[in-house]
Amino acid sequence: MTEPDWVVKQGSDGAPVLRYQLGEREGRPWADLLEVLDESVDAAEFIRTELPGWVVSGTPELGRRLVDGGAKVLRHAHSFRRDLRADPPPADWAGAPLREGLRAVPCDRAPEELLEPWRAAFAPGHVDHFPGDDAQAVAERIGPLLSGKAIGPVLPSSLLAVDAEDRVVGGLVLTDRDGLPWIAEVFRHPERGYRGLGADLLRLAIADAAARGLADVHLVVSEGNPARRVYESLGFLLQETSLTVIVPDAA
């Protein structure tokens, strides 16, 4: 896994004003993990001038100032980390069978096989609901995630849960996000039951990641997502809170 590259944005005097990791989101350039380096500068005004039309992820305070200037909120989220060395997973997490006759299999299925349970998990009303149609969900979310284009390569600790008919009913996708083992998705089909399946998948993936020598795993959960309680119960600790917004386009 590689170390992340930072982009430093300078003011007119050449002094560094902010830094971020460059990405793409919603079809726009994305300044992720943005940090203000010069507190004497009005960072919100600097961003509106220098990054018009960009997606920006930074502190809630900065995000609110951008919103006051016309930015649109995309996501209010909390990042978590689980230390696999200082707090190794219990031995019984490794290889534990899934509930109700489900099987854990590698995450190597076609995006279309994940569509139904993924859609059901993030149905209308869920804070992370995707509003596009099924074709868009496959083309813009699930497909790029599984191919490694959305975040980074899918790591071998990823897994899917399948039923007796070999249908995918849940899954966990662990990716390499610029050097960080990143849980990009955890989902289950709620209409088919299997309550607690997400926690089962997390235990298996965490145990496998630890066995492969990973030092930690990370994830982000949206404000208002009840899954946060599950993550905290499994040893994930809050690292920071961010607000992601779309900066208004240049006039």
Protein backbone atom coordinates (compact mmCIF):
# COMPACT_ATOMS: atom_id res chain seq x y z
CA MET A 1 0.00 0.00 0.00
CA THR A 2 1.27 3.45 -0.91
CA GLU A 3 1.50 6.59 1.17
CA PRO A 4 -1.05 9.30 0.35
CA ASP A 5 0.06 12.30 -1.72
CA TRP A 6 -0.90 15.74 -0.49
CA VAL A 7 -1.65 18.73 -2.71
CA VAL A 8 -0.64 22.06 -1.17
CA LYS A 9 -2.53 25.17 -2.31
CA GLN A 10 -0.62 28.44 -1.99
CA GLY A 11 -1.79 32.01 -1.67
CA SER A 12 -0.77 34.89 -3.93
CA ASP A 13 2.35 35.42 -1.79
CA GLY A 14 3.45 31.82 -2.27
CA ALA A 15 2.73 30.83 1.33
CA PRO A 16 0.85 27.51 1.85
CA VAL A 17 -2.79 28.07 2.77
CA LEU A 18 -4.27 24.56 2.76
CA ARG A 19 -3.55 20.99 1.78
CA TYR A 20 -5.75 18.10 0.65
CA GLN A 21 -5.80 14.74 -1.10
CA LEU A 22 -7.02 15.03 -4.66
CA GLY A 23 -9.81 12.76 -5.82
CA GLU A 24 -13.06 12.79 -7.75
CA ARG A 25 -16.60 12.73 -6.41
CA GLU A 26 -19.98 13.35 -8.00
CA GLY A 27 -18.13 13.95 -11.29
CA ARG A 28 -16.22 16.86 -9.74
CA PRO A 29 -12.66 17.31 -8.45
CA TRP A 30 -12.54 16.47 -4.75
CA ALA A 31 -10.34 18.06 -2.09
CA ASP A 32 -10.52 15.30 0.53
CA LEU A 33 -9.19 15.52 4.11
CA LEU A 34 -8.65 19.24 3.59
CA GLU A 35 -6.57 20.96 6.26
CA VAL A 36 -6.08 24.71 6.72
CA LEU A 37 -2.38 25.53 7.10
CA ASP A 38 -2.63 29.30 7.63
CA GLU A 39 -5.25 30.30 10.18
CA SER A 40 -4.78 33.98 9.36
CA VAL A 41 -6.44 33.42 5.96
CA ASP A 42 -10.21 33.31 5.50
CA ALA A 43 -10.17 29.68 4.38
CA ALA A 44 -13.82 29.60 3.28
CA GLU A 45 -13.38 32.61 1.02
CA PHE A 46 -10.09 31.21 -0.30
CA ILE A 47 -11.81 27.93 -1.19
CA ARG A 48 -14.74 29.68 -2.88
CA THR A 49 -12.25 31.63 -5.01
CA GLU A 50 -9.67 28.92 -5.72
CA LEU A 51 -11.83 25.77 -5.82
CA PRO A 52 -15.18 26.78 -7.36
CA GLY A 53 -17.38 23.81 -8.20
CA TRP A 54 -15.19 21.39 -6.21
CA VAL A 55 -16.26 18.88 -3.61
CA VAL A 56 -14.50 19.68 -0.34
CA SER A 57 -14.24 17.50 2.78
CA GLY A 58 -12.98 19.21 5.92
CA THR A 59 -13.91 20.09 9.47
CA PRO A 60 -17.57 20.71 10.30
CA GLU A 61 -16.70 24.29 11.20
CA LEU A 62 -15.21 24.96 7.76
CA GLY A 63 -18.06 23.11 6.08
CA ARG A 64 -20.67 25.24 7.83
CA ARG A 65 -18.89 28.42 6.77
CA LEU A 66 -18.91 27.18 3.17
CA VAL A 67 -22.61 26.31 3.47
CA ASP A 68 -23.29 29.84 4.73
CA GLY A 69 -21.69 31.00 1.47
CA GLY A 70 -23.95 28.83 -0.69
CA ALA A 71 -22.26 25.39 -0.63
CA LYS A 72 -24.44 22.26 -0.69
CA VAL A 73 -24.00 19.54 1.94
CA LEU A 74 -23.18 16.08 0.56
CA ARG A 75 -22.29 14.18 3.72
CA HIS A 76 -21.75 14.72 7.44
CA ALA A 77 -19.58 11.81 8.49
CA HIS A 78 -17.42 10.36 11.26
CA SER A 79 -14.20 8.44 10.63
CA PHE A 80 -13.29 5.47 12.83
CA ARG A 81 -10.20 3.30 13.27
CA ARG A 82 -9.68 -0.11 14.83
CA ASP A 83 -6.16 -0.91 16.00
CA LEU A 84 -5.41 -4.56 15.21
CA ARG A 85 -2.13 -4.70 17.13
CA ALA A 86 -2.84 -2.87 20.37
CA ASP A 87 -6.33 -4.39 20.41
CA PRO A 88 -6.15 -7.68 18.46
CA PRO A 89 -9.48 -9.34 17.63
CA PRO A 90 -10.58 -12.27 19.82
CA ALA A 91 -9.49 -15.65 18.55
CA ASP A 92 -13.07 -16.85 18.07
CA TRP A 93 -13.71 -14.14 15.43
CA ALA A 94 -11.57 -16.03 12.90
CA GLY A 95 -13.48 -18.50 10.77
CA ALA A 96 -16.71 -18.24 12.76
CA PRO A 97 -19.66 -19.56 10.72
CA LEU A 98 -22.32 -17.13 9.57
CA ARG A 99 -25.83 -17.37 10.96
CA GLU A 100 -28.82 -19.20 9.50
CA GLY A 101 -26.89 -21.39 7.07
CA LEU A 102 -25.24 -18.54 5.18
CA ARG A 103 -21.76 -18.99 3.73
CA ALA A 104 -18.91 -16.50 3.53
CA VAL A 105 -17.28 -16.41 0.08
CA PRO A 106 -14.65 -14.18 -1.58
CA CYS A 107 -15.76 -10.82 -2.88
CA ASP A 108 -15.31 -11.73 -6.54
CA ARG A 109 -18.86 -11.60 -7.92
CA ALA A 110 -20.15 -9.35 -10.70
CA PRO A 111 -21.53 -5.97 -9.53
CA GLU A 112 -25.03 -7.00 -10.61
CA GLU A 113 -25.02 -9.81 -8.03
CA LEU A 114 -24.54 -7.29 -5.23
CA LEU A 115 -27.13 -4.84 -6.52
CA GLU A 116 -30.30 -6.18 -4.86
CA PRO A 117 -28.98 -6.51 -1.28
CA TRP A 118 -26.99 -3.28 -1.59
CA ARG A 119 -30.07 -1.39 -2.79
CA ALA A 120 -32.22 -2.88 -0.04
CA ALA A 121 -29.68 -1.99 2.64
CA PHE A 122 -29.64 1.65 1.56
CA ALA A 123 -33.31 2.06 0.68
CA PRO A 124 -35.07 5.44 0.36
CA GLY A 125 -34.99 7.15 3.74
CA HIS A 126 -31.55 5.79 4.63
CA VAL A 127 -28.96 8.51 5.12
CA ASP A 128 -26.70 6.83 2.51
CA HIS A 129 -29.41 6.12 -0.09
CA PHE A 130 -28.24 6.42 -3.70
CA PRO A 131 -30.95 8.25 -5.68
CA GLY A 132 -29.98 7.02 -9.15
CA ASP A 133 -31.56 4.06 -10.90
CA ASP A 134 -30.18 0.50 -10.84
CA ALA A 135 -28.07 0.97 -13.95
CA GLN A 136 -26.49 4.08 -12.42
CA ALA A 137 -25.90 2.26 -9.13
CA VAL A 138 -23.96 -0.47 -10.94
CA ALA A 139 -22.09 1.92 -13.24
CA GLU A 140 -21.32 4.68 -10.74
CA ARG A 141 -21.09 2.99 -7.34
CA ILE A 142 -20.85 -0.79 -7.16
CA GLY A 143 -18.87 -1.41 -10.34
CA PRO A 144 -16.16 1.22 -9.70
CA LEU A 145 -15.89 0.08 -6.07
CA LEU A 146 -15.28 -3.57 -7.00
CA SER A 147 -12.88 -2.69 -9.82
CA GLY A 148 -10.76 -0.53 -7.51
CA LYS A 149 -11.48 2.66 -9.43
CA ALA A 150 -13.66 4.34 -6.79
CA ILE A 151 -11.34 4.16 -3.77
CA GLY A 152 -8.55 1.69 -4.40
CA PRO A 153 -7.86 -2.02 -4.88
CA VAL A 154 -10.19 -4.44 -3.11
CA LEU A 155 -8.25 -6.30 -0.41
CA PRO A 156 -8.50 -10.07 0.12
CA SER A 157 -10.18 -9.74 3.53
CA SER A 158 -13.34 -8.60 1.71
CA LEU A 159 -16.15 -11.14 1.69
CA LEU A 160 -19.74 -11.77 0.67
CA ALA A 161 -22.52 -13.70 2.41
CA VAL A 162 -24.52 -16.05 0.18
CA ASP A 163 -27.59 -18.15 0.94
CA ALA A 164 -28.39 -21.76 0.08
CA GLU A 165 -29.25 -20.71 -3.48
CA ASP A 166 -25.88 -18.95 -3.83
CA ARG A 167 -27.53 -15.52 -3.87
CA VAL A 168 -25.60 -12.63 -2.34
CA VAL A 169 -27.46 -11.37 0.73
CA GLY A 170 -24.75 -9.22 2.29
CA GLY A 171 -21.15 -8.17 2.00
CA LEU A 172 -18.14 -6.26 3.26
CA VAL A 173 -15.73 -4.55 0.89
CA LEU A 174 -12.30 -3.66 2.29
CA THR A 175 -10.16 -1.46 0.05
CA ASP A 176 -6.71 0.12 -0.04
CA ARG A 177 -7.39 3.83 0.28
CA ASP A 178 -4.05 5.53 -0.33
CA GLY A 179 -2.28 3.18 2.05
CA LEU A 180 -5.09 2.75 4.57
CA PRO A 181 -7.13 -0.48 4.81
CA TRP A 182 -10.58 1.06 4.36
CA ILE A 183 -13.97 -0.60 4.86
CA ALA A 184 -15.89 0.98 2.00
CA GLU A 185 -19.17 -0.92 2.37
CA VAL A 186 -20.95 -3.17 4.85
CA PHE A 187 -24.47 -4.20 3.87
CA ARG A 188 -27.13 -6.89 4.23
CA HIS A 189 -30.55 -7.45 2.71
CA PRO A 190 -32.88 -6.36 5.56
CA GLU A 191 -36.03 -7.79 4.00
CA ARG A 192 -34.57 -11.30 4.16
CA GLY A 193 -33.74 -11.02 7.82
CA TYR A 194 -30.29 -12.11 8.95
CA ARG A 195 -30.22 -9.51 11.70
CA GLY A 196 -26.66 -9.19 12.97
CA LEU A 197 -25.10 -10.32 9.70
CA GLY A 198 -23.20 -7.05 9.32
CA ALA A 199 -21.47 -7.59 12.67
CA ASP A 200 -20.67 -11.19 11.68
CA LEU A 201 -19.02 -10.00 8.47
CA LEU A 202 -17.08 -7.35 10.33
CA ARG A 203 -15.69 -9.88 12.82
CA LEU A 204 -14.58 -12.22 10.04
CA ALA A 205 -12.98 -9.43 7.99
CA ILE A 206 -11.23 -7.87 10.97
CA ALA A 207 -9.83 -11.25 12.06
CA ASP A 208 -8.63 -11.99 8.54
CA ALA A 209 -7.04 -8.54 8.18
CA ALA A 210 -5.18 -9.04 11.45
CA ALA A 211 -4.00 -12.50 10.35
CA ARG A 212 -2.63 -10.94 7.16
CA GLY A 213 -0.57 -8.49 9.20
CA LEU A 214 -2.57 -5.31 8.73
CA ALA A 215 -2.02 -2.85 11.57
CA ASP A 216 -5.48 -1.32 11.53
CA VAL A 217 -8.69 -0.83 9.58
CA HIS A 218 -10.62 2.38 8.95
CA LEU A 219 -14.12 3.38 7.92
CA VAL A 220 -16.49 6.33 7.70
CA VAL A 221 -20.10 6.33 8.90
CA SER A 222 -22.65 9.02 8.08
CA GLU A 223 -24.28 11.05 10.83
CA GLY A 224 -27.56 9.37 11.74
CA ASN A 225 -26.56 5.88 10.55
CA PRO A 226 -27.40 3.40 13.35
CA ALA A 227 -24.53 1.16 12.16
CA ARG A 228 -22.25 3.43 14.17
CA ARG A 229 -23.25 1.57 17.34
CA VAL A 230 -22.15 -1.73 15.76
CA TYR A 231 -18.75 -0.34 14.81
CA GLU A 232 -18.17 1.05 18.29
CA SER A 233 -19.19 -2.26 19.89
CA LEU A 234 -16.52 -4.01 17.80
CA GLY A 235 -13.69 -1.77 18.93
CA PHE A 236 -13.70 1.06 16.39
CA LEU A 237 -12.74 4.40 17.91
CA LEU A 238 -13.77 7.82 16.64
CA GLN A 239 -10.93 9.73 14.95
CA GLU A 240 -12.56 12.82 13.48
CA THR A 241 -15.76 14.30 12.08
CA SER A 242 -16.01 15.91 8.65
CA LEU A 243 -18.49 17.77 6.49
CA THR A 244 -18.39 17.26 2.73
CA VAL A 245 -19.88 20.01 0.57
CA ILE A 246 -20.08 21.13 -3.05
CA VAL A 247 -18.58 24.60 -3.43
CA PRO A 248 -20.68 26.87 -5.66
CA ASP A 249 -19.51 27.14 -9.25
CA ALA A 250 -17.74 30.32 -10.30
CA ALA A 251 -20.12 33.10 -11.29
